[in-house]
Amino acid sequence: MKTAYDIVIRPIITEQSMEDMDIKKYVFEVAKDATKVEVAKAIEEIFGVRVIKVTTINVKGKKKRVGGNPQGFTKSWKKAVVKLSEDSKNIEIFENMA
């Protein structure tokens, strides 16, 4: 059985994700086999907030090569955009980033 910390890997900090904090949207890298329901329960358990919507995106690896080596790919991963309820508190990880 997976724990909440196995499902949520790390927060994604970008300009777009920082702007979406105002409307209570947060972005996380999650386990590739995690479902939307599992992601919602994990976020609620870890941060003590109420999730109303989860959107997931499978991000394909990019083509890369190093020097004369043959071409390879970076790893593929899964991204989750989590929308919190209006009465929910903000997630503290993102507080000092802006």
Protein backbone atom coordinates (compact mmCIF):
# COMPACT_ATOMS: atom_id res chain seq x y z
CA MET A 1 0.00 0.00 0.00
CA LYS A 2 1.31 3.42 -0.96
CA THR A 3 1.56 6.25 1.52
CA ALA A 4 0.71 9.86 0.69
CA TYR A 5 4.42 10.65 0.46
CA ASP A 6 4.87 7.92 -2.19
CA ILE A 7 2.19 9.55 -4.35
CA VAL A 8 3.25 13.23 -4.08
CA ILE A 9 6.90 13.49 -5.14
CA ARG A 10 7.63 17.24 -5.17
CA PRO A 11 6.04 20.64 -5.82
CA ILE A 12 6.66 22.30 -9.19
CA ILE A 13 7.86 25.90 -8.83
CA THR A 14 7.48 27.94 -12.03
CA GLU A 15 6.27 31.43 -12.88
CA GLN A 16 2.90 30.07 -13.98
CA SER A 17 2.44 27.98 -10.83
CA MET A 18 3.31 30.99 -8.66
CA GLU A 19 0.66 33.13 -10.42
CA ASP A 20 -1.96 30.40 -9.94
CA MET A 21 -1.46 30.46 -6.16
CA ASP A 22 -3.80 33.48 -6.04
CA ILE A 23 -6.67 31.30 -7.25
CA LYS A 24 -5.58 28.40 -4.97
CA LYS A 25 -4.10 26.17 -7.69
CA TYR A 26 -0.93 24.24 -6.88
CA VAL A 27 1.23 22.01 -9.11
CA PHE A 28 2.97 18.80 -8.02
CA GLU A 29 4.96 15.99 -9.57
CA VAL A 30 3.16 12.76 -8.66
CA ALA A 31 3.73 9.03 -9.11
CA LYS A 32 3.08 7.86 -12.68
CA ASP A 33 0.50 5.28 -11.61
CA ALA A 34 -1.39 7.58 -9.21
CA THR A 35 -5.05 8.32 -9.92
CA LYS A 36 -6.81 11.65 -9.39
CA VAL A 37 -8.59 10.30 -6.30
CA GLU A 38 -5.30 9.09 -4.78
CA VAL A 39 -3.65 12.47 -5.48
CA ALA A 40 -6.54 14.37 -3.86
CA LYS A 41 -6.46 12.18 -0.73
CA ALA A 42 -2.67 12.46 -0.47
CA ILE A 43 -2.70 16.29 -0.72
CA GLU A 44 -5.48 16.49 1.88
CA GLU A 45 -3.57 14.17 4.23
CA ILE A 46 -0.17 15.88 3.87
CA PHE A 47 -1.24 19.54 3.96
CA GLY A 48 -4.59 19.43 5.80
CA VAL A 49 -6.54 21.21 3.05
CA ARG A 50 -9.72 20.45 1.07
CA VAL A 51 -9.23 19.59 -2.62
CA ILE A 52 -12.11 20.22 -5.03
CA LYS A 53 -10.47 19.38 -8.38
CA VAL A 54 -7.41 17.51 -9.67
CA THR A 55 -6.14 17.64 -13.24
CA THR A 56 -3.33 15.30 -14.31
CA ILE A 57 -0.95 15.49 -17.27
CA ASN A 58 1.56 12.90 -18.49
CA VAL A 59 4.72 14.79 -19.47
CA LYS A 60 6.85 13.02 -22.09
CA GLY A 61 10.64 13.02 -21.84
CA LYS A 62 12.57 15.38 -24.11
CA LYS A 63 15.22 14.30 -26.60
CA LYS A 64 18.71 15.02 -25.27
CA ARG A 65 22.25 14.13 -26.20
CA VAL A 66 25.57 14.73 -24.49
CA GLY A 67 28.62 15.36 -26.66
CA GLY A 68 29.09 12.70 -29.28
CA ASN A 69 26.94 10.16 -27.46
CA PRO A 70 23.82 8.87 -29.17
CA GLN A 71 20.55 10.57 -28.54
CA GLY A 72 18.51 9.66 -25.46
CA PHE A 73 15.51 10.93 -23.55
CA THR A 74 14.94 12.56 -20.17
CA LYS A 75 12.51 10.70 -17.93
CA SER A 76 8.77 10.91 -18.42
CA TRP A 77 6.71 12.00 -15.41
CA LYS A 78 3.21 12.90 -14.27
CA LYS A 79 2.07 16.38 -13.23
CA ALA A 80 -1.01 17.15 -11.13
CA VAL A 81 -2.70 20.55 -10.86
CA VAL A 82 -4.68 20.71 -7.61
CA LYS A 83 -7.47 23.26 -7.01
CA LEU A 84 -8.32 23.94 -3.35
CA SER A 85 -11.65 25.09 -1.94
CA GLU A 86 -12.13 28.79 -1.16
CA ASP A 87 -12.35 28.25 2.61
CA SER A 88 -9.22 26.08 2.62
CA LYS A 89 -5.93 27.44 3.95
CA ASN A 90 -2.93 28.03 1.66
CA ILE A 91 -0.16 25.44 1.37
CA GLU A 92 2.84 26.63 3.38
CA ILE A 93 5.54 25.24 1.02
CA PHE A 94 4.72 27.94 -1.52
CA GLU A 95 4.41 30.86 0.93
CA ASN A 96 7.99 32.22 0.88
CA MET A 97 8.59 31.61 -2.83
CA ALA A 98 6.80 34.63 -4.28
